[in-house]
Amino acid sequence: MTVPRIGVSVDLVILTVRAGQLATLAWRRDGEPYAGMQALPGGFIRLDEDLPAAAARVLDERAGLPGAPVHLEQLQTYGYPDRDPTRRAVSVAYLGLAPDLPAPDTPQMSWQPVRALTQMAFDHERILSDGVERARSKLEYTSLAAAFCRAEFTVGELRRVYEIVWGVRLDPRNFHRKVTGARNFLVKTGAMTSSGGGRPAHVYRRGSAVLLHPPMLRTPAERPRRTGSDRPLP
């Protein structure tokens, strides 16, 4: 029996809130296939490394973000036969969440608004869509919304993360009550800040909670219909 050779790669969906939009890292391909099209940062796994190590290496080398404060977790595996027109290839996708980061130190890599990426190389539009939906769900049940923020932030800044990732407007008072009432989600630093001449606001940092209790569940009205790159593929 001949064992087929199958390439295994990691592809990264790195999400951040940038300029008031949900953005992801993308790189413009300069060779075939799909020359000139945007793709997710990725690379093939080396024989001597584990999957998490490969994902961390791609984040450093290909994405151009060495040492960046990115929460990285495995998203899904994609292995249908025609996903790569040049070879039989399996991709293990990782989802990364990060605060607003500087432009990567790689010429072809840039932050792109998620909604603008409607046609991508390979099956990367599908992977991106899955990553965005995973991030939206994570915000309901975990404290990972704070991964989009700086080390210290206000409730208003945290609310903007939820609004941008979910694509909805939230009632400020109701949101404040929910997040400050969630057990060990936020910890007051004792500092106050004011912006735009508004009322001073308490400054918080992320607490010890991993799962939110109670969760920040979206109502049906807060679950927008998918459009553009959010649209599930057949």
C-alpha atoms as a PDB file:
ATOM      1  CA  MET A   1       0.000   0.000   0.000  1.00  0.00           C
ATOM      2  CA  THR A   2       1.357   3.380  -1.024  1.00  0.00           C
ATOM      3  CA  VAL A   3       0.953   6.069   1.613  1.00  0.00           C
ATOM      4  CA  PRO A   4       0.051   9.387  -0.073  1.00  0.00           C
ATOM      5  CA  ARG A   5       2.093  12.466   0.702  1.00  0.00           C
ATOM      6  CA  ILE A   6      -0.058  15.177   2.221  1.00  0.00           C
ATOM      7  CA  GLY A   7       1.216  18.623   3.154  1.00  0.00           C
ATOM      8  CA  VAL A   8       0.096  19.936   6.541  1.00  0.00           C
ATOM      9  CA  SER A   9       0.099  23.664   7.172  1.00  0.00           C
ATOM     10  CA  VAL A  10      -1.106  26.133   9.778  1.00  0.00           C
ATOM     11  CA  ASP A  11      -3.124  29.221   8.783  1.00  0.00           C
ATOM     12  CA  LEU A  12      -3.763  32.081  11.181  1.00  0.00           C
ATOM     13  CA  VAL A  13      -6.898  34.176  11.620  1.00  0.00           C
ATOM     14  CA  ILE A  14      -5.529  37.084  13.675  1.00  0.00           C
ATOM     15  CA  LEU A  15      -8.309  39.478  14.651  1.00  0.00           C
ATOM     16  CA  THR A  16      -8.067  42.927  16.206  1.00  0.00           C
ATOM     17  CA  VAL A  17     -10.149  46.080  16.507  1.00  0.00           C
ATOM     18  CA  ARG A  18      -8.466  48.738  14.397  1.00  0.00           C
ATOM     19  CA  ALA A  19      -9.773  52.157  13.345  1.00  0.00           C
ATOM     20  CA  GLY A  20     -13.245  51.254  14.578  1.00  0.00           C
ATOM     21  CA  GLN A  21     -13.459  48.046  12.536  1.00  0.00           C
ATOM     22  CA  LEU A  22     -12.842  44.352  13.013  1.00  0.00           C
ATOM     23  CA  ALA A  23      -9.615  43.688  11.096  1.00  0.00           C
ATOM     24  CA  THR A  24      -7.455  40.691  10.289  1.00  0.00           C
ATOM     25  CA  LEU A  25      -3.911  40.124   9.084  1.00  0.00           C
ATOM     26  CA  ALA A  26      -3.721  39.326   5.390  1.00  0.00           C
ATOM     27  CA  TRP A  27      -0.915  39.078   2.876  1.00  0.00           C
ATOM     28  CA  ARG A  28      -1.020  39.671  -0.866  1.00  0.00           C
ATOM     29  CA  ARG A  29       0.313  36.696  -2.799  1.00  0.00           C
ATOM     30  CA  ASP A  30       3.005  37.414  -5.382  1.00  0.00           C
ATOM     31  CA  GLY A  31       2.996  33.998  -7.064  1.00  0.00           C
ATOM     32  CA  GLU A  32       0.681  31.366  -8.457  1.00  0.00           C
ATOM     33  CA  PRO A  33      -1.784  30.077  -7.619  1.00  0.00           C
ATOM     34  CA  TYR A  34      -3.990  33.091  -6.820  1.00  0.00           C
ATOM     35  CA  ALA A  35      -1.314  35.686  -7.581  1.00  0.00           C
ATOM     36  CA  GLY A  36      -2.338  39.125  -6.360  1.00  0.00           C
ATOM     37  CA  MET A  37      -5.082  37.840  -4.058  1.00  0.00           C
ATOM     38  CA  GLN A  38      -5.205  38.257  -0.295  1.00  0.00           C
ATOM     39  CA  ALA A  39      -4.527  35.204   1.880  1.00  0.00           C
ATOM     40  CA  LEU A  40      -4.214  34.419   5.557  1.00  0.00           C
ATOM     41  CA  PRO A  41      -0.687  34.150   6.938  1.00  0.00           C
ATOM     42  CA  GLY A  42       0.372  30.516   7.017  1.00  0.00           C
ATOM     43  CA  GLY A  43       3.119  28.007   6.447  1.00  0.00           C
ATOM     44  CA  PHE A  44       3.867  24.287   6.307  1.00  0.00           C
ATOM     45  CA  ILE A  45       4.708  22.420   9.496  1.00  0.00           C
ATOM     46  CA  ARG A  46       8.289  21.293   9.938  1.00  0.00           C
ATOM     47  CA  LEU A  47       9.066  17.665  10.747  1.00  0.00           C
ATOM     48  CA  ASP A  48      10.480  18.537  14.167  1.00  0.00           C
ATOM     49  CA  GLU A  49       7.725  20.807  15.517  1.00  0.00           C
ATOM     50  CA  ASP A  50       4.303  20.424  17.110  1.00  0.00           C
ATOM     51  CA  LEU A  51       1.234  22.312  15.897  1.00  0.00           C
ATOM     52  CA  PRO A  52       1.303  25.057  18.577  1.00  0.00           C
ATOM     53  CA  ALA A  53       4.994  25.630  17.890  1.00  0.00           C
ATOM     54  CA  ALA A  54       4.304  25.909  14.155  1.00  0.00           C
ATOM     55  CA  ALA A  55       1.525  28.432  14.784  1.00  0.00           C
ATOM     56  CA  ALA A  56       3.798  30.506  17.013  1.00  0.00           C
ATOM     57  CA  ARG A  57       6.568  30.401  14.403  1.00  0.00           C
ATOM     58  CA  VAL A  58       4.229  31.530  11.608  1.00  0.00           C
ATOM     59  CA  LEU A  59       3.025  34.373  13.831  1.00  0.00           C
ATOM     60  CA  ASP A  60       6.619  35.484  14.364  1.00  0.00           C
ATOM     61  CA  GLU A  61       8.108  34.872  10.926  1.00  0.00           C
ATOM     62  CA  ARG A  62       5.306  35.089   8.370  1.00  0.00           C
ATOM     63  CA  ALA A  63       2.928  37.474  10.132  1.00  0.00           C
ATOM     64  CA  GLY A  64       5.837  39.655  11.237  1.00  0.00           C
ATOM     65  CA  LEU A  65       4.646  40.001  14.840  1.00  0.00           C
ATOM     66  CA  PRO A  66       7.401  38.532  17.044  1.00  0.00           C
ATOM     67  CA  GLY A  67       6.555  38.733  20.724  1.00  0.00           C
ATOM     68  CA  ALA A  68       3.129  40.278  20.112  1.00  0.00           C
ATOM     69  CA  PRO A  69       0.496  39.802  22.873  1.00  0.00           C
ATOM     70  CA  VAL A  70      -1.787  37.523  20.855  1.00  0.00           C
ATOM     71  CA  HIS A  71      -4.164  34.979  22.389  1.00  0.00           C
ATOM     72  CA  LEU A  72      -3.799  31.967  20.069  1.00  0.00           C
ATOM     73  CA  GLU A  73      -6.030  28.868  20.022  1.00  0.00           C
ATOM     74  CA  GLN A  74      -6.761  26.101  17.541  1.00  0.00           C
ATOM     75  CA  LEU A  75      -9.810  26.845  15.405  1.00  0.00           C
ATOM     76  CA  GLN A  76     -10.519  23.948  13.030  1.00  0.00           C
ATOM     77  CA  THR A  77      -8.914  21.534  10.561  1.00  0.00           C
ATOM     78  CA  TYR A  78      -9.654  21.812   6.824  1.00  0.00           C
ATOM     79  CA  GLY A  79      -8.886  18.807   4.654  1.00  0.00           C
ATOM     80  CA  TYR A  80     -11.285  18.494   1.732  1.00  0.00           C
ATOM     81  CA  PRO A  81      -9.433  17.324  -1.414  1.00  0.00           C
ATOM     82  CA  ASP A  82      -9.771  20.379  -3.667  1.00  0.00           C
ATOM     83  CA  ARG A  83      -8.865  23.136  -1.224  1.00  0.00           C
ATOM     84  CA  ASP A  84      -5.408  23.573  -2.798  1.00  0.00           C
ATOM     85  CA  PRO A  85      -5.163  23.289  -6.615  1.00  0.00           C
ATOM     86  CA  THR A  86      -1.444  22.405  -6.518  1.00  0.00           C
ATOM     87  CA  ARG A  87      -1.302  19.539  -4.021  1.00  0.00           C
ATOM     88  CA  ARG A  88      -3.198  17.506  -1.442  1.00  0.00           C
ATOM     89  CA  ALA A  89      -3.000  19.725   1.625  1.00  0.00           C
ATOM     90  CA  VAL A  90      -4.509  19.865   5.090  1.00  0.00           C
ATOM     91  CA  SER A  91      -4.654  23.100   7.056  1.00  0.00           C
ATOM     92  CA  VAL A  92      -4.901  23.406  10.823  1.00  0.00           C
ATOM     93  CA  ALA A  93      -6.275  26.897  11.400  1.00  0.00           C
ATOM     94  CA  TYR A  94      -5.603  28.948  14.514  1.00  0.00           C
ATOM     95  CA  LEU A  95      -7.574  31.906  15.828  1.00  0.00           C
ATOM     96  CA  GLY A  96      -5.707  34.801  17.391  1.00  0.00           C
ATOM     97  CA  LEU A  97      -7.193  37.762  19.283  1.00  0.00           C
ATOM     98  CA  ALA A  98      -5.100  40.832  19.968  1.00  0.00           C
ATOM     99  CA  PRO A  99      -5.251  44.491  20.964  1.00  0.00           C
ATOM    100  CA  ASP A 100      -4.608  47.052  18.234  1.00  0.00           C
ATOM    101  CA  LEU A 101      -1.104  46.227  17.024  1.00  0.00           C
ATOM    102  CA  PRO A 102       1.259  48.181  14.773  1.00  0.00           C
ATOM    103  CA  ALA A 103       1.628  47.346  11.111  1.00  0.00           C
ATOM    104  CA  PRO A 104       3.601  44.093  10.729  1.00  0.00           C
ATOM    105  CA  ASP A 105       7.242  44.315   9.743  1.00  0.00           C
ATOM    106  CA  THR A 106       6.595  42.407   6.523  1.00  0.00           C
ATOM    107  CA  PRO A 107       6.018  44.304   3.239  1.00  0.00           C
ATOM    108  CA  GLN A 108       3.228  42.114   1.864  1.00  0.00           C
ATOM    109  CA  MET A 109       1.393  41.767   5.184  1.00  0.00           C
ATOM    110  CA  SER A 110      -1.197  44.301   6.339  1.00  0.00           C
ATOM    111  CA  TRP A 111      -4.267  44.732   8.525  1.00  0.00           C
ATOM    112  CA  GLN A 112      -7.424  44.545   6.426  1.00  0.00           C
ATOM    113  CA  PRO A 113     -11.057  45.159   7.442  1.00  0.00           C
ATOM    114  CA  VAL A 114     -12.796  41.792   7.638  1.00  0.00           C
ATOM    115  CA  ARG A 115     -15.751  43.053   5.600  1.00  0.00           C
ATOM    116  CA  ALA A 116     -13.445  43.999   2.716  1.00  0.00           C
ATOM    117  CA  LEU A 117     -12.085  40.462   2.276  1.00  0.00           C
ATOM    118  CA  THR A 118     -14.815  38.957   0.121  1.00  0.00           C
ATOM    119  CA  GLN A 119     -12.523  37.083  -2.286  1.00  0.00           C
ATOM    120  CA  MET A 120      -9.461  35.355  -0.893  1.00  0.00           C
ATOM    121  CA  ALA A 121      -7.002  32.719  -2.079  1.00  0.00           C
ATOM    122  CA  PHE A 122      -7.666  29.019  -1.498  1.00  0.00           C
ATOM    123  CA  ASP A 123     -10.445  28.512   1.078  1.00  0.00           C
ATOM    124  CA  HIS A 124      -9.254  31.356   3.282  1.00  0.00           C
ATOM    125  CA  GLU A 125     -12.524  33.272   3.082  1.00  0.00           C
ATOM    126  CA  ARG A 126     -14.207  30.261   4.633  1.00  0.00           C
ATOM    127  CA  ILE A 127     -11.557  29.942   7.346  1.00  0.00           C
ATOM    128  CA  LEU A 128     -11.838  33.661   8.114  1.00  0.00           C
ATOM    129  CA  SER A 129     -15.626  33.402   8.377  1.00  0.00           C
ATOM    130  CA  ASP A 130     -15.301  30.488  10.814  1.00  0.00           C
ATOM    131  CA  GLY A 131     -12.768  32.445  12.866  1.00  0.00           C
ATOM    132  CA  VAL A 132     -14.994  35.505  13.103  1.00  0.00           C
ATOM    133  CA  GLU A 133     -17.974  33.429  14.235  1.00  0.00           C
ATOM    134  CA  ARG A 134     -15.797  31.635  16.824  1.00  0.00           C
ATOM    135  CA  ALA A 135     -14.679  35.027  18.166  1.00  0.00           C
ATOM    136  CA  ARG A 136     -18.285  36.229  18.384  1.00  0.00           C
ATOM    137  CA  SER A 137     -19.294  33.147  20.350  1.00  0.00           C
ATOM    138  CA  LYS A 138     -16.257  33.400  22.624  1.00  0.00           C
ATOM    139  CA  LEU A 139     -17.333  36.891  23.669  1.00  0.00           C
ATOM    140  CA  GLU A 140     -20.610  35.473  24.978  1.00  0.00           C
ATOM    141  CA  TYR A 141     -19.166  32.839  27.315  1.00  0.00           C
ATOM    142  CA  THR A 142     -15.553  33.832  28.064  1.00  0.00           C
ATOM    143  CA  SER A 143     -13.547  36.865  29.129  1.00  0.00           C
ATOM    144  CA  LEU A 144     -11.649  37.007  25.821  1.00  0.00           C
ATOM    145  CA  ALA A 145     -13.197  40.342  24.831  1.00  0.00           C
ATOM    146  CA  ALA A 146     -10.515  41.841  27.062  1.00  0.00           C
ATOM    147  CA  ALA A 147      -7.865  40.329  24.755  1.00  0.00           C
ATOM    148  CA  PHE A 148      -8.816  43.039  22.238  1.00  0.00           C
ATOM    149  CA  CYS A 149      -8.083  45.764  24.824  1.00  0.00           C
ATOM    150  CA  ARG A 150      -4.946  47.218  26.293  1.00  0.00           C
ATOM    151  CA  ALA A 151      -3.868  46.042  29.750  1.00  0.00           C
ATOM    152  CA  GLU A 152      -6.053  48.747  31.315  1.00  0.00           C
ATOM    153  CA  PHE A 153      -9.327  49.944  29.812  1.00  0.00           C
ATOM    154  CA  THR A 154     -12.706  51.477  30.545  1.00  0.00           C
ATOM    155  CA  VAL A 155     -16.093  49.798  30.312  1.00  0.00           C
ATOM    156  CA  GLY A 156     -16.829  52.062  27.350  1.00  0.00           C
ATOM    157  CA  GLU A 157     -13.766  50.774  25.499  1.00  0.00           C
ATOM    158  CA  LEU A 158     -14.769  47.196  26.265  1.00  0.00           C
ATOM    159  CA  ARG A 159     -18.294  47.893  25.016  1.00  0.00           C
ATOM    160  CA  ARG A 160     -16.889  49.115  21.703  1.00  0.00           C
ATOM    161  CA  VAL A 161     -15.108  45.752  21.321  1.00  0.00           C
ATOM    162  CA  TYR A 162     -18.399  43.897  21.709  1.00  0.00           C
ATOM    163  CA  GLU A 163     -20.184  46.289  19.347  1.00  0.00           C
ATOM    164  CA  ILE A 164     -17.539  45.990  16.627  1.00  0.00           C
ATOM    165  CA  VAL A 165     -17.101  42.216  16.853  1.00  0.00           C
ATOM    166  CA  TRP A 166     -20.852  41.555  17.074  1.00  0.00           C
ATOM    167  CA  GLY A 167     -21.774  44.308  14.609  1.00  0.00           C
ATOM    168  CA  VAL A 168     -24.512  45.784  16.834  1.00  0.00           C
ATOM    169  CA  ARG A 169     -25.164  48.758  19.114  1.00  0.00           C
ATOM    170  CA  LEU A 170     -25.455  47.989  22.827  1.00  0.00           C
ATOM    171  CA  ASP A 171     -27.198  49.971  25.535  1.00  0.00           C
ATOM    172  CA  PRO A 172     -24.379  51.511  27.630  1.00  0.00           C
ATOM    173  CA  ARG A 173     -26.136  51.216  31.017  1.00  0.00           C
ATOM    174  CA  ASN A 174     -27.290  47.656  30.458  1.00  0.00           C
ATOM    175  CA  PHE A 175     -23.828  46.638  29.231  1.00  0.00           C
ATOM    176  CA  HIS A 176     -22.133  48.287  32.228  1.00  0.00           C
ATOM    177  CA  ARG A 177     -24.421  46.413  34.603  1.00  0.00           C
ATOM    178  CA  LYS A 178     -23.728  43.076  32.899  1.00  0.00           C
ATOM    179  CA  VAL A 179     -19.926  43.247  32.676  1.00  0.00           C
ATOM    180  CA  THR A 180     -19.398  44.683  36.157  1.00  0.00           C
ATOM    181  CA  GLY A 181     -21.790  42.047  37.514  1.00  0.00           C
ATOM    182  CA  ALA A 182     -19.986  39.135  35.845  1.00  0.00           C
ATOM    183  CA  ARG A 183     -17.952  37.309  38.481  1.00  0.00           C
ATOM    184  CA  ASN A 184     -14.221  38.152  38.375  1.00  0.00           C
ATOM    185  CA  PHE A 185     -14.439  39.555  34.831  1.00  0.00           C
ATOM    186  CA  LEU A 186     -13.199  43.074  35.624  1.00  0.00           C
ATOM    187  CA  VAL A 187     -11.006  44.442  38.393  1.00  0.00           C
ATOM    188  CA  LYS A 188     -10.912  48.142  39.232  1.00  0.00           C
ATOM    189  CA  THR A 189      -7.435  49.637  39.143  1.00  0.00           C
ATOM    190  CA  GLY A 190      -8.435  52.627  41.284  1.00  0.00           C
ATOM    191  CA  ALA A 191      -7.650  55.048  38.448  1.00  0.00           C
ATOM    192  CA  MET A 192     -10.118  57.295  36.650  1.00  0.00           C
ATOM    193  CA  THR A 193     -10.013  58.692  33.152  1.00  0.00           C
ATOM    194  CA  SER A 194     -12.057  61.091  31.062  1.00  0.00           C
ATOM    195  CA  SER A 195     -12.023  61.601  27.317  1.00  0.00           C
ATOM    196  CA  GLY A 196     -13.682  64.270  25.217  1.00  0.00           C
ATOM    197  CA  GLY A 197     -14.638  66.274  28.293  1.00  0.00           C
ATOM    198  CA  GLY A 198     -17.082  63.570  29.408  1.00  0.00           C
ATOM    199  CA  ARG A 199     -17.762  62.187  32.851  1.00  0.00           C
ATOM    200  CA  PRO A 200     -14.713  60.470  34.411  1.00  0.00           C
ATOM    201  CA  ALA A 201     -14.804  56.676  34.051  1.00  0.00           C
ATOM    202  CA  HIS A 202     -13.270  53.931  36.160  1.00  0.00           C
ATOM    203  CA  VAL A 203     -10.282  52.112  34.690  1.00  0.00           C
ATOM    204  CA  TYR A 204     -10.292  48.312  34.831  1.00  0.00           C
ATOM    205  CA  ARG A 205      -8.030  45.400  34.055  1.00  0.00           C
ATOM    206  CA  ARG A 206      -8.952  41.844  33.172  1.00  0.00           C
ATOM    207  CA  GLY A 207      -9.825  39.668  36.152  1.00  0.00           C
ATOM    208  CA  SER A 208      -9.206  35.994  36.812  1.00  0.00           C
ATOM    209  CA  ALA A 209     -12.385  34.705  35.162  1.00  0.00           C
ATOM    210  CA  VAL A 210     -12.009  32.452  32.134  1.00  0.00           C
ATOM    211  CA  LEU A 211     -15.698  31.684  31.720  1.00  0.00           C
ATOM    212  CA  LEU A 212     -18.254  34.440  32.261  1.00  0.00           C
ATOM    213  CA  HIS A 213     -20.881  33.924  34.937  1.00  0.00           C
ATOM    214  CA  PRO A 214     -23.447  34.985  34.027  1.00  0.00           C
ATOM    215  CA  PRO A 215     -22.606  34.891  30.283  1.00  0.00           C
ATOM    216  CA  MET A 216     -23.008  37.887  27.960  1.00  0.00           C
ATOM    217  CA  LEU A 217     -25.627  36.267  25.739  1.00  0.00           C
ATOM    218  CA  ARG A 218     -26.716  38.026  22.565  1.00  0.00           C
ATOM    219  CA  THR A 219     -30.407  38.495  21.967  1.00  0.00           C
ATOM    220  CA  PRO A 220     -31.817  37.400  18.566  1.00  0.00           C
ATOM    221  CA  ALA A 221     -31.773  41.061  17.497  1.00  0.00           C
ATOM    222  CA  GLU A 222     -28.061  41.209  18.330  1.00  0.00           C
ATOM    223  CA  ARG A 223     -27.228  38.313  15.995  1.00  0.00           C
ATOM    224  CA  PRO A 224     -26.817  40.067  12.631  1.00  0.00           C
ATOM    225  CA  ARG A 225     -27.330  38.275   9.374  1.00  0.00           C
ATOM    226  CA  ARG A 226     -24.049  37.382   7.736  1.00  0.00           C
ATOM    227  CA  THR A 227     -22.855  39.415   4.794  1.00  0.00           C
ATOM    228  CA  GLY A 228     -19.666  39.654   2.763  1.00  0.00           C
ATOM    229  CA  SER A 229     -16.843  37.621   4.238  1.00  0.00           C
ATOM    230  CA  ASP A 230     -19.130  36.639   7.127  1.00  0.00           C
ATOM    231  CA  ARG A 231     -21.308  34.632   4.732  1.00  0.00           C
ATOM    232  CA  PRO A 232     -20.960  30.853   5.209  1.00  0.00           C
ATOM    233  CA  LEU A 233     -19.698  29.083   2.120  1.00  0.00           C
ATOM    234  CA  PRO A 234     -21.343  25.992   0.628  1.00  0.00           C
END
